[in-house]
């Protein structure tokens, strides 16, 4: 594995998110997608996830310990920093600020973004800025936001209604 990929892997394993612009600035990496592909070929899973800026800031405070190999103390440092930041924000009445860390699996990313927009964790404008043209983008623009659970419940209700209609028609 080339050294850029190794540096990126360590950075990601420390709980940091990485955008192409950050990859260029931090690692002089012009082709983040290629480096991520290299990591995936080596068996590393690089997925999209939803987190808060609070968690990312707390992870930064623990990254030096983690990179030094002290995972236990890094975990304690993360927990302490996270709890401190959350209590400060709660005291000020600040709501969680959700952030999408985008991986390269476009389907998984689209599902994550759609779910986050449907549950109100991210704004529709933020979701639209992250999504390419496609069904998910059109659903957000049209306001057709349903979680997977809501879709399943809707299908079940529709099935019940169709059964009732069929029974009524059979009686007539």
N, C-alpha and C. Protein backbone atom coordinates (compact mmCIF):
# COMPACT_ATOMS: atom_id res chain seq x y z
N UNK A 1 0.86 -1.16 0.00
CA UNK A 1 0.00 0.00 0.00
C UNK A 1 0.91 1.23 0.00
N UNK A 2 0.55 2.23 -0.81
CA UNK A 2 1.42 3.41 -0.87
C UNK A 2 1.27 4.26 0.38
N UNK A 3 2.24 5.10 0.63
CA UNK A 3 2.26 5.85 1.89
C UNK A 3 1.08 6.82 2.02
N UNK A 4 0.61 7.38 0.90
CA UNK A 4 -0.57 8.25 0.98
C UNK A 4 -1.77 7.47 1.49
N UNK A 5 -1.96 6.26 0.97
CA UNK A 5 -3.08 5.43 1.42
C UNK A 5 -2.95 5.11 2.90
N UNK A 6 -1.74 4.81 3.35
CA UNK A 6 -1.52 4.51 4.77
C UNK A 6 -1.82 5.72 5.65
N UNK A 7 -1.39 6.91 5.20
CA UNK A 7 -1.66 8.13 5.97
C UNK A 7 -3.16 8.39 6.04
N UNK A 8 -3.84 8.20 4.92
CA UNK A 8 -5.29 8.42 4.87
C UNK A 8 -6.00 7.41 5.77
N UNK A 9 -5.56 6.15 5.72
CA UNK A 9 -6.16 5.12 6.57
C UNK A 9 -6.01 5.48 8.05
N UNK A 10 -4.83 5.88 8.48
CA UNK A 10 -4.62 6.27 9.88
C UNK A 10 -5.53 7.44 10.25
N UNK A 11 -5.64 8.39 9.35
CA UNK A 11 -6.47 9.56 9.60
C UNK A 11 -7.93 9.15 9.77
N UNK A 12 -8.42 8.26 8.89
CA UNK A 12 -9.81 7.80 8.97
C UNK A 12 -10.03 6.93 10.20
N UNK A 13 -9.07 6.08 10.53
CA UNK A 13 -9.21 5.21 11.69
C UNK A 13 -9.22 6.00 13.00
N UNK A 14 -8.69 7.20 12.98
CA UNK A 14 -8.71 8.05 14.17
C UNK A 14 -10.07 8.71 14.35
N UNK A 15 -11.01 8.39 13.46
CA UNK A 15 -12.37 8.93 13.58
C UNK A 15 -12.59 10.22 12.83
N UNK A 16 -11.65 10.58 11.97
CA UNK A 16 -11.77 11.81 11.20
C UNK A 16 -12.48 11.56 9.88
N UNK A 17 -13.19 12.55 9.40
CA UNK A 17 -13.78 12.51 8.06
C UNK A 17 -12.79 13.18 7.11
N UNK A 18 -12.90 12.89 5.84
CA UNK A 18 -11.95 13.44 4.88
C UNK A 18 -12.66 13.77 3.57
N UNK A 19 -12.59 15.02 3.19
CA UNK A 19 -13.13 15.44 1.90
C UNK A 19 -11.97 15.50 0.91
N UNK A 20 -12.27 15.52 -0.40
CA UNK A 20 -11.18 15.63 -1.38
C UNK A 20 -10.30 16.86 -1.15
N UNK A 21 -10.90 17.99 -0.77
CA UNK A 21 -10.11 19.20 -0.52
C UNK A 21 -9.19 19.01 0.69
N UNK A 22 -9.71 18.37 1.75
CA UNK A 22 -8.87 18.10 2.92
C UNK A 22 -7.74 17.14 2.57
N UNK A 23 -8.03 16.14 1.71
CA UNK A 23 -7.00 15.19 1.30
C UNK A 23 -5.87 15.91 0.56
N UNK A 24 -6.24 16.87 -0.25
CA UNK A 24 -5.24 17.65 -0.98
C UNK A 24 -4.40 18.47 0.00
N UNK A 25 -5.06 19.13 0.94
CA UNK A 25 -4.35 19.98 1.90
C UNK A 25 -3.48 19.19 2.87
N UNK A 26 -4.04 18.11 3.42
CA UNK A 26 -3.34 17.37 4.47
C UNK A 26 -2.30 16.39 3.94
N UNK A 27 -2.61 15.76 2.79
CA UNK A 27 -1.76 14.68 2.30
C UNK A 27 -1.22 14.91 0.89
N UNK A 28 -1.49 16.09 0.32
CA UNK A 28 -1.09 16.40 -1.05
C UNK A 28 -1.61 15.33 -2.01
N UNK A 29 -2.83 14.87 -1.74
CA UNK A 29 -3.44 13.78 -2.51
C UNK A 29 -4.48 14.37 -3.47
N UNK A 30 -4.21 14.26 -4.75
CA UNK A 30 -5.14 14.77 -5.76
C UNK A 30 -6.23 13.77 -6.11
N UNK A 31 -6.01 12.49 -5.80
CA UNK A 31 -6.94 11.45 -6.22
C UNK A 31 -7.39 10.62 -5.02
N UNK A 32 -8.23 11.24 -4.18
CA UNK A 32 -8.72 10.57 -2.98
C UNK A 32 -9.47 9.28 -3.33
N UNK A 33 -10.26 9.31 -4.39
CA UNK A 33 -11.01 8.13 -4.80
C UNK A 33 -10.11 6.93 -5.07
N UNK A 34 -8.97 7.17 -5.70
CA UNK A 34 -8.02 6.10 -5.99
C UNK A 34 -7.44 5.55 -4.69
N UNK A 35 -7.09 6.44 -3.77
CA UNK A 35 -6.54 5.98 -2.48
C UNK A 35 -7.58 5.16 -1.71
N UNK A 36 -8.84 5.60 -1.72
CA UNK A 36 -9.90 4.85 -1.05
C UNK A 36 -10.09 3.50 -1.72
N UNK A 37 -10.04 3.48 -3.05
CA UNK A 37 -10.13 2.22 -3.80
C UNK A 37 -9.01 1.28 -3.37
N UNK A 38 -7.77 1.81 -3.26
CA UNK A 38 -6.64 0.99 -2.80
C UNK A 38 -6.93 0.37 -1.44
N UNK A 39 -7.48 1.18 -0.53
CA UNK A 39 -7.78 0.68 0.81
C UNK A 39 -8.86 -0.40 0.77
N UNK A 40 -9.86 -0.20 -0.07
CA UNK A 40 -10.92 -1.21 -0.18
C UNK A 40 -10.37 -2.51 -0.76
N UNK A 41 -9.45 -2.41 -1.70
CA UNK A 41 -8.85 -3.61 -2.27
C UNK A 41 -8.06 -4.39 -1.22
N UNK A 42 -7.57 -3.68 -0.21
CA UNK A 42 -6.84 -4.32 0.88
C UNK A 42 -7.79 -4.85 1.96
N UNK A 43 -9.11 -4.67 1.76
CA UNK A 43 -10.09 -5.21 2.69
C UNK A 43 -10.65 -4.22 3.70
N UNK A 44 -10.26 -2.97 3.61
CA UNK A 44 -10.80 -1.97 4.54
C UNK A 44 -12.16 -1.50 4.05
N UNK A 45 -13.09 -1.34 4.99
CA UNK A 45 -14.44 -0.88 4.66
C UNK A 45 -14.47 0.63 4.87
N UNK A 46 -14.82 1.36 3.82
CA UNK A 46 -14.90 2.82 3.89
C UNK A 46 -16.32 3.20 3.48
N UNK A 47 -17.18 3.46 4.45
CA UNK A 47 -18.58 3.75 4.19
C UNK A 47 -18.93 5.18 4.57
N UNK A 48 -20.08 5.60 4.09
CA UNK A 48 -20.64 6.89 4.51
C UNK A 48 -21.26 6.69 5.89
N UNK A 49 -21.25 7.75 6.69
CA UNK A 49 -21.93 7.67 7.98
C UNK A 49 -22.40 9.05 8.38
N UNK A 50 -23.36 9.05 9.27
CA UNK A 50 -23.93 10.29 9.79
C UNK A 50 -23.38 10.49 11.20
N UNK A 51 -22.83 11.64 11.44
CA UNK A 51 -22.27 11.94 12.75
C UNK A 51 -22.54 13.41 13.06
N UNK A 52 -22.05 13.86 14.16
CA UNK A 52 -22.19 15.28 14.49
C UNK A 52 -20.81 15.92 14.47
N UNK A 53 -20.80 17.23 14.28
CA UNK A 53 -19.52 17.94 14.35
C UNK A 53 -18.93 17.79 15.75
N UNK A 54 -19.78 17.66 16.74
CA UNK A 54 -19.33 17.46 18.12
C UNK A 54 -18.47 16.21 18.23
N UNK A 55 -18.95 15.11 17.64
CA UNK A 55 -18.19 13.86 17.69
C UNK A 55 -16.87 14.00 16.94
N UNK A 56 -16.90 14.72 15.83
CA UNK A 56 -15.67 14.90 15.05
C UNK A 56 -14.65 15.72 15.85
N UNK A 57 -15.11 16.76 16.54
CA UNK A 57 -14.19 17.57 17.36
C UNK A 57 -13.63 16.75 18.52
N UNK A 58 -14.47 15.94 19.13
CA UNK A 58 -14.01 15.09 20.23
C UNK A 58 -13.00 14.07 19.73
N UNK A 59 -13.22 13.54 18.53
CA UNK A 59 -12.29 12.56 17.95
C UNK A 59 -10.93 13.21 17.68
N UNK A 60 -10.95 14.47 17.26
CA UNK A 60 -9.68 15.18 17.02
C UNK A 60 -8.85 15.25 18.29
N UNK A 61 -9.51 15.46 19.42
CA UNK A 61 -8.77 15.58 20.69
C UNK A 61 -8.15 14.25 21.11
N UNK A 62 -8.68 13.16 20.62
CA UNK A 62 -8.17 11.84 20.99
C UNK A 62 -7.26 11.24 19.93
N UNK A 63 -7.15 11.86 18.77
CA UNK A 63 -6.44 11.25 17.65
C UNK A 63 -4.95 11.05 17.92
N UNK A 64 -4.30 11.95 18.65
CA UNK A 64 -2.87 11.79 18.92
C UNK A 64 -2.61 10.52 19.73
N UNK A 65 -3.43 10.28 20.75
CA UNK A 65 -3.29 9.06 21.56
C UNK A 65 -3.57 7.82 20.72
N UNK A 66 -4.61 7.90 19.88
CA UNK A 66 -4.97 6.77 19.04
C UNK A 66 -3.83 6.45 18.08
N UNK A 67 -3.30 7.49 17.43
CA UNK A 67 -2.21 7.29 16.47
C UNK A 67 -0.95 6.75 17.14
N UNK A 68 -0.78 7.05 18.43
CA UNK A 68 0.37 6.54 19.17
C UNK A 68 0.15 5.10 19.62
N UNK A 69 -1.05 4.56 19.36
CA UNK A 69 -1.34 3.17 19.69
C UNK A 69 -2.04 2.97 21.02
N UNK A 70 -2.33 4.03 21.74
CA UNK A 70 -2.98 3.92 23.04
C UNK A 70 -4.49 4.07 22.86
N UNK A 71 -5.13 2.99 22.44
CA UNK A 71 -6.56 3.04 22.13
C UNK A 71 -7.41 3.24 23.38
N UNK A 72 -6.97 2.68 24.51
CA UNK A 72 -7.74 2.81 25.74
C UNK A 72 -7.82 4.28 26.17
N UNK A 73 -6.66 4.93 26.28
CA UNK A 73 -6.65 6.34 26.69
C UNK A 73 -7.28 7.23 25.63
N UNK A 74 -7.16 6.84 24.36
CA UNK A 74 -7.82 7.61 23.29
C UNK A 74 -9.33 7.55 23.48
N UNK A 75 -9.84 6.37 23.82
CA UNK A 75 -11.28 6.22 24.07
C UNK A 75 -11.74 7.08 25.24
N UNK A 76 -10.95 7.09 26.30
CA UNK A 76 -11.28 7.93 27.46
C UNK A 76 -11.24 9.42 27.10
N UNK A 77 -10.22 9.80 26.33
CA UNK A 77 -10.10 11.21 25.92
C UNK A 77 -11.28 11.62 25.05
N UNK A 78 -11.68 10.72 24.14
CA UNK A 78 -12.83 11.01 23.28
C UNK A 78 -14.08 11.19 24.13
N UNK A 79 -14.32 10.23 25.04
CA UNK A 79 -15.53 10.28 25.87
C UNK A 79 -15.57 11.56 26.71
N UNK A 80 -14.46 11.90 27.32
CA UNK A 80 -14.40 13.11 28.15
C UNK A 80 -14.66 14.36 27.31
N UNK A 81 -13.99 14.46 26.17
CA UNK A 81 -14.17 15.63 25.30
C UNK A 81 -15.59 15.71 24.78
N UNK A 82 -16.14 14.56 24.38
CA UNK A 82 -17.50 14.54 23.83
C UNK A 82 -18.52 14.99 24.88
N UNK A 83 -18.41 14.43 26.08
CA UNK A 83 -19.35 14.80 27.15
C UNK A 83 -19.24 16.28 27.50
N UNK A 84 -18.01 16.81 27.52
CA UNK A 84 -17.81 18.23 27.84
C UNK A 84 -18.44 19.11 26.76
N UNK A 85 -18.19 18.79 25.50
CA UNK A 85 -18.72 19.60 24.40
C UNK A 85 -20.25 19.53 24.37
N UNK A 86 -20.81 18.33 24.55
CA UNK A 86 -22.27 18.17 24.54
C UNK A 86 -22.90 18.97 25.67
N UNK A 87 -22.31 18.89 26.91
CA UNK A 87 -22.92 19.65 28.00
C UNK A 87 -22.82 21.15 27.78
N UNK A 88 -21.72 21.61 27.18
CA UNK A 88 -21.60 23.04 26.87
C UNK A 88 -22.67 23.47 25.87
N UNK A 89 -22.87 22.64 24.84
CA UNK A 89 -23.88 22.97 23.82
C UNK A 89 -25.29 22.91 24.39
N UNK A 90 -25.56 21.91 25.24
CA UNK A 90 -26.89 21.82 25.86
C UNK A 90 -27.16 23.03 26.74
N UNK A 91 -26.15 23.46 27.49
CA UNK A 91 -26.31 24.63 28.37
C UNK A 91 -26.64 25.88 27.56
N UNK A 92 -26.13 25.94 26.34
CA UNK A 92 -26.40 27.10 25.47
C UNK A 92 -27.64 26.90 24.60
N UNK A 93 -28.27 25.72 24.71
CA UNK A 93 -29.47 25.43 23.92
C UNK A 93 -29.18 25.12 22.46
N UNK A 94 -27.96 24.68 22.17
CA UNK A 94 -27.57 24.39 20.79
C UNK A 94 -27.93 22.94 20.46
N UNK A 95 -28.64 22.75 19.36
CA UNK A 95 -29.04 21.41 18.91
C UNK A 95 -27.85 20.70 18.23
N UNK A 96 -27.90 19.36 18.14
CA UNK A 96 -26.83 18.64 17.43
C UNK A 96 -26.72 19.11 15.98
N UNK A 97 -25.52 19.21 15.52
CA UNK A 97 -25.26 19.64 14.15
C UNK A 97 -24.76 18.44 13.34
N UNK A 98 -25.68 17.81 12.65
CA UNK A 98 -25.38 16.57 11.93
C UNK A 98 -24.55 16.84 10.69
N UNK A 99 -23.72 15.87 10.36
CA UNK A 99 -22.76 15.98 9.27
C UNK A 99 -22.70 14.63 8.56
N UNK A 100 -22.68 14.64 7.25
CA UNK A 100 -22.57 13.41 6.48
C UNK A 100 -21.12 13.25 6.04
N UNK A 101 -20.50 12.18 6.48
CA UNK A 101 -19.16 11.84 6.02
C UNK A 101 -19.34 10.88 4.86
N UNK A 102 -19.08 11.35 3.66
CA UNK A 102 -19.42 10.60 2.45
C UNK A 102 -18.33 9.60 2.07
N UNK A 103 -18.74 8.33 1.96
CA UNK A 103 -17.87 7.30 1.42
C UNK A 103 -18.06 7.25 -0.08
N UNK A 104 -17.64 6.18 -0.70
CA UNK A 104 -17.72 6.10 -2.16
C UNK A 104 -18.84 5.20 -2.66
N UNK A 105 -19.56 4.52 -1.76
CA UNK A 105 -20.68 3.69 -2.17
C UNK A 105 -21.88 4.61 -2.37
N UNK A 106 -22.20 4.89 -3.63
CA UNK A 106 -23.22 5.89 -3.96
C UNK A 106 -24.61 5.48 -3.46
N UNK A 107 -24.95 4.19 -3.54
CA UNK A 107 -26.26 3.74 -3.06
C UNK A 107 -26.38 3.91 -1.55
N UNK A 108 -25.34 3.49 -0.83
CA UNK A 108 -25.35 3.61 0.63
C UNK A 108 -25.39 5.07 1.04
N UNK A 109 -24.65 5.92 0.32
CA UNK A 109 -24.64 7.35 0.61
C UNK A 109 -26.02 7.96 0.37
N UNK A 110 -26.65 7.62 -0.76
CA UNK A 110 -27.97 8.17 -1.08
C UNK A 110 -29.00 7.74 -0.03
N UNK A 111 -28.95 6.48 0.40
CA UNK A 111 -29.88 5.99 1.42
C UNK A 111 -29.66 6.72 2.75
N UNK A 112 -28.40 6.90 3.13
CA UNK A 112 -28.08 7.59 4.38
C UNK A 112 -28.57 9.03 4.34
N UNK A 113 -28.33 9.73 3.24
CA UNK A 113 -28.74 11.13 3.11
C UNK A 113 -30.26 11.25 3.14
N UNK A 114 -30.94 10.38 2.40
CA UNK A 114 -32.41 10.41 2.35
C UNK A 114 -33.00 10.17 3.74
N UNK A 115 -32.48 9.19 4.44
CA UNK A 115 -32.95 8.87 5.80
C UNK A 115 -32.70 10.05 6.75
N UNK A 116 -31.52 10.66 6.65
CA UNK A 116 -31.19 11.80 7.52
C UNK A 116 -32.10 12.99 7.24
N UNK A 117 -32.43 13.23 5.97
CA UNK A 117 -33.33 14.33 5.63
C UNK A 117 -34.75 14.00 6.09
N UNK A 118 -35.16 12.74 5.94
CA UNK A 118 -36.52 12.34 6.33
C UNK A 118 -36.73 12.46 7.84
N UNK A 119 -35.69 12.21 8.61
CA UNK A 119 -35.81 12.29 10.07
C UNK A 119 -35.47 13.68 10.62
N UNK A 120 -35.16 14.61 9.72
CA UNK A 120 -34.89 15.99 10.13
C UNK A 120 -33.51 16.24 10.71
N UNK A 121 -32.62 15.27 10.57
CA UNK A 121 -31.27 15.46 11.10
C UNK A 121 -30.45 16.42 10.24
N UNK A 122 -30.73 16.43 8.95
CA UNK A 122 -30.08 17.40 8.06
C UNK A 122 -31.16 18.11 7.27
N UNK A 123 -30.86 19.30 6.80
CA UNK A 123 -31.84 20.06 6.03
C UNK A 123 -31.94 19.50 4.62
N UNK A 124 -33.05 19.78 3.98
CA UNK A 124 -33.21 19.35 2.59
C UNK A 124 -32.17 20.01 1.69
N UNK A 125 -31.86 21.27 1.95
CA UNK A 125 -30.84 21.96 1.15
C UNK A 125 -29.48 21.27 1.26
N UNK A 126 -29.11 20.87 2.47
CA UNK A 126 -27.84 20.16 2.68
C UNK A 126 -27.88 18.81 1.96
N UNK A 127 -29.00 18.11 2.07
CA UNK A 127 -29.15 16.82 1.40
C UNK A 127 -29.01 16.98 -0.11
N UNK A 128 -29.68 17.98 -0.66
CA UNK A 128 -29.61 18.21 -2.11
C UNK A 128 -28.21 18.56 -2.57
N UNK A 129 -27.46 19.25 -1.73
CA UNK A 129 -26.08 19.60 -2.09
C UNK A 129 -25.19 18.36 -2.16
N UNK A 130 -25.56 17.31 -1.44
CA UNK A 130 -24.75 16.09 -1.40
C UNK A 130 -25.15 15.06 -2.45
N UNK A 131 -26.40 15.14 -2.91
CA UNK A 131 -26.90 14.11 -3.81
C UNK A 131 -26.73 14.47 -5.28
N UNK A 132 -26.30 13.50 -6.09
CA UNK A 132 -26.31 13.73 -7.54
C UNK A 132 -27.74 13.63 -8.05
N UNK A 133 -27.95 13.98 -9.31
CA UNK A 133 -29.28 13.85 -9.89
C UNK A 133 -29.69 12.38 -9.81
N UNK A 134 -30.90 12.14 -9.43
CA UNK A 134 -31.40 10.77 -9.30
C UNK A 134 -32.70 10.76 -8.54
N UNK A 135 -33.21 9.56 -8.33
CA UNK A 135 -34.51 9.40 -7.67
C UNK A 135 -34.53 10.02 -6.28
N UNK A 136 -33.47 9.79 -5.50
CA UNK A 136 -33.44 10.32 -4.13
C UNK A 136 -33.51 11.84 -4.14
N UNK A 137 -32.78 12.46 -5.06
CA UNK A 137 -32.78 13.93 -5.15
C UNK A 137 -34.17 14.44 -5.52
N UNK A 138 -34.81 13.78 -6.49
CA UNK A 138 -36.15 14.20 -6.91
C UNK A 138 -37.15 14.04 -5.76
N UNK A 139 -37.02 12.98 -4.97
CA UNK A 139 -37.92 12.77 -3.82
C UNK A 139 -37.77 13.89 -2.80
N UNK A 140 -36.54 14.30 -2.53
CA UNK A 140 -36.33 15.39 -1.57
C UNK A 140 -36.89 16.69 -2.12
N UNK A 141 -36.62 16.97 -3.40
CA UNK A 141 -37.12 18.21 -4.01
C UNK A 141 -38.65 18.25 -4.00
N UNK A 142 -39.28 17.08 -4.19
CA UNK A 142 -40.74 17.02 -4.23
C UNK A 142 -41.35 16.90 -2.83
N UNK A 143 -40.51 16.71 -1.83
CA UNK A 143 -41.01 16.57 -0.46
C UNK A 143 -41.52 15.17 -0.16
N UNK A 144 -41.14 14.19 -0.96
CA UNK A 144 -41.56 12.80 -0.76
C UNK A 144 -40.55 12.07 0.12
N UNK A 145 -40.45 12.49 1.36
CA UNK A 145 -39.46 11.90 2.25
C UNK A 145 -40.12 10.93 3.22
N UNK A 146 -39.78 9.68 3.08
CA UNK A 146 -40.26 8.64 3.99
C UNK A 146 -39.09 7.78 4.40
N UNK A 147 -39.06 7.40 5.67
CA UNK A 147 -38.05 6.45 6.12
C UNK A 147 -38.45 5.06 5.63
N UNK A 148 -37.52 4.12 5.69
CA UNK A 148 -37.84 2.75 5.28
C UNK A 148 -38.98 2.19 6.12
N UNK A 149 -38.99 2.50 7.41
CA UNK A 149 -40.06 2.03 8.30
C UNK A 149 -41.41 2.61 7.86
N UNK A 150 -41.44 3.91 7.53
CA UNK A 150 -42.68 4.54 7.08
C UNK A 150 -43.16 3.93 5.76
N UNK A 151 -42.23 3.60 4.88
CA UNK A 151 -42.60 2.98 3.60
C UNK A 151 -43.25 1.61 3.85
N UNK A 152 -42.66 0.82 4.75
CA UNK A 152 -43.20 -0.50 5.06
C UNK A 152 -44.59 -0.38 5.69
N UNK A 153 -44.75 0.58 6.61
CA UNK A 153 -46.05 0.78 7.23
C UNK A 153 -47.08 1.20 6.19
N UNK A 154 -46.69 2.06 5.27
CA UNK A 154 -47.58 2.50 4.19
C UNK A 154 -47.99 1.35 3.29
N UNK A 155 -47.04 0.48 2.97
CA UNK A 155 -47.36 -0.69 2.14
C UNK A 155 -48.35 -1.60 2.85
N UNK A 156 -48.15 -1.79 4.16
CA UNK A 156 -49.06 -2.64 4.93
C UNK A 156 -50.46 -2.05 4.96
N UNK A 157 -50.55 -0.73 5.18
CA UNK A 157 -51.87 -0.06 5.19
C UNK A 157 -52.54 -0.15 3.83
N UNK A 158 -51.77 0.05 2.79
CA UNK A 158 -52.33 -0.04 1.44
C UNK A 158 -52.83 -1.45 1.16
N UNK A 159 -52.06 -2.45 1.61
CA UNK A 159 -52.50 -3.83 1.44
C UNK A 159 -53.80 -4.10 2.18
N UNK A 160 -53.94 -3.57 3.39
CA UNK A 160 -55.18 -3.73 4.16
C UNK A 160 -56.35 -3.06 3.45
N UNK A 161 -56.13 -1.86 2.92
CA UNK A 161 -57.19 -1.16 2.19
C UNK A 161 -57.61 -1.93 0.94
N UNK A 162 -56.64 -2.47 0.23
CA UNK A 162 -56.98 -3.25 -0.97
C UNK A 162 -57.78 -4.50 -0.60
N UNK A 163 -57.43 -5.14 0.51
CA UNK A 163 -58.19 -6.30 0.97
C UNK A 163 -59.62 -5.93 1.32
N UNK A 164 -59.80 -4.79 2.01
CA UNK A 164 -61.15 -4.33 2.35
C UNK A 164 -61.97 -4.04 1.10
N UNK A 165 -61.36 -3.39 0.13
CA UNK A 165 -62.06 -3.08 -1.13
C UNK A 165 -62.44 -4.36 -1.85
N UNK A 166 -61.52 -5.32 -1.88
CA UNK A 166 -61.80 -6.60 -2.54
C UNK A 166 -62.96 -7.31 -1.85
N UNK A 167 -62.98 -7.29 -0.52
CA UNK A 167 -64.07 -7.93 0.22
C UNK A 167 -65.40 -7.23 -0.04
N UNK A 168 -65.40 -5.90 -0.07
CA UNK A 168 -66.62 -5.14 -0.35
C UNK A 168 -67.15 -5.46 -1.74
N UNK A 169 -66.23 -5.52 -2.71
CA UNK A 169 -66.65 -5.81 -4.08
C UNK A 169 -67.21 -7.22 -4.19
N UNK A 170 -66.66 -8.16 -3.43
CA UNK A 170 -67.14 -9.54 -3.46
C UNK A 170 -68.54 -9.64 -2.86
N UNK A 171 -68.86 -8.79 -1.88
CA UNK A 171 -70.18 -8.81 -1.25
C UNK A 171 -71.26 -8.22 -2.15
N UNK A 172 -70.87 -7.32 -3.03
CA UNK A 172 -71.85 -6.67 -3.91
C UNK A 172 -72.08 -7.50 -5.09
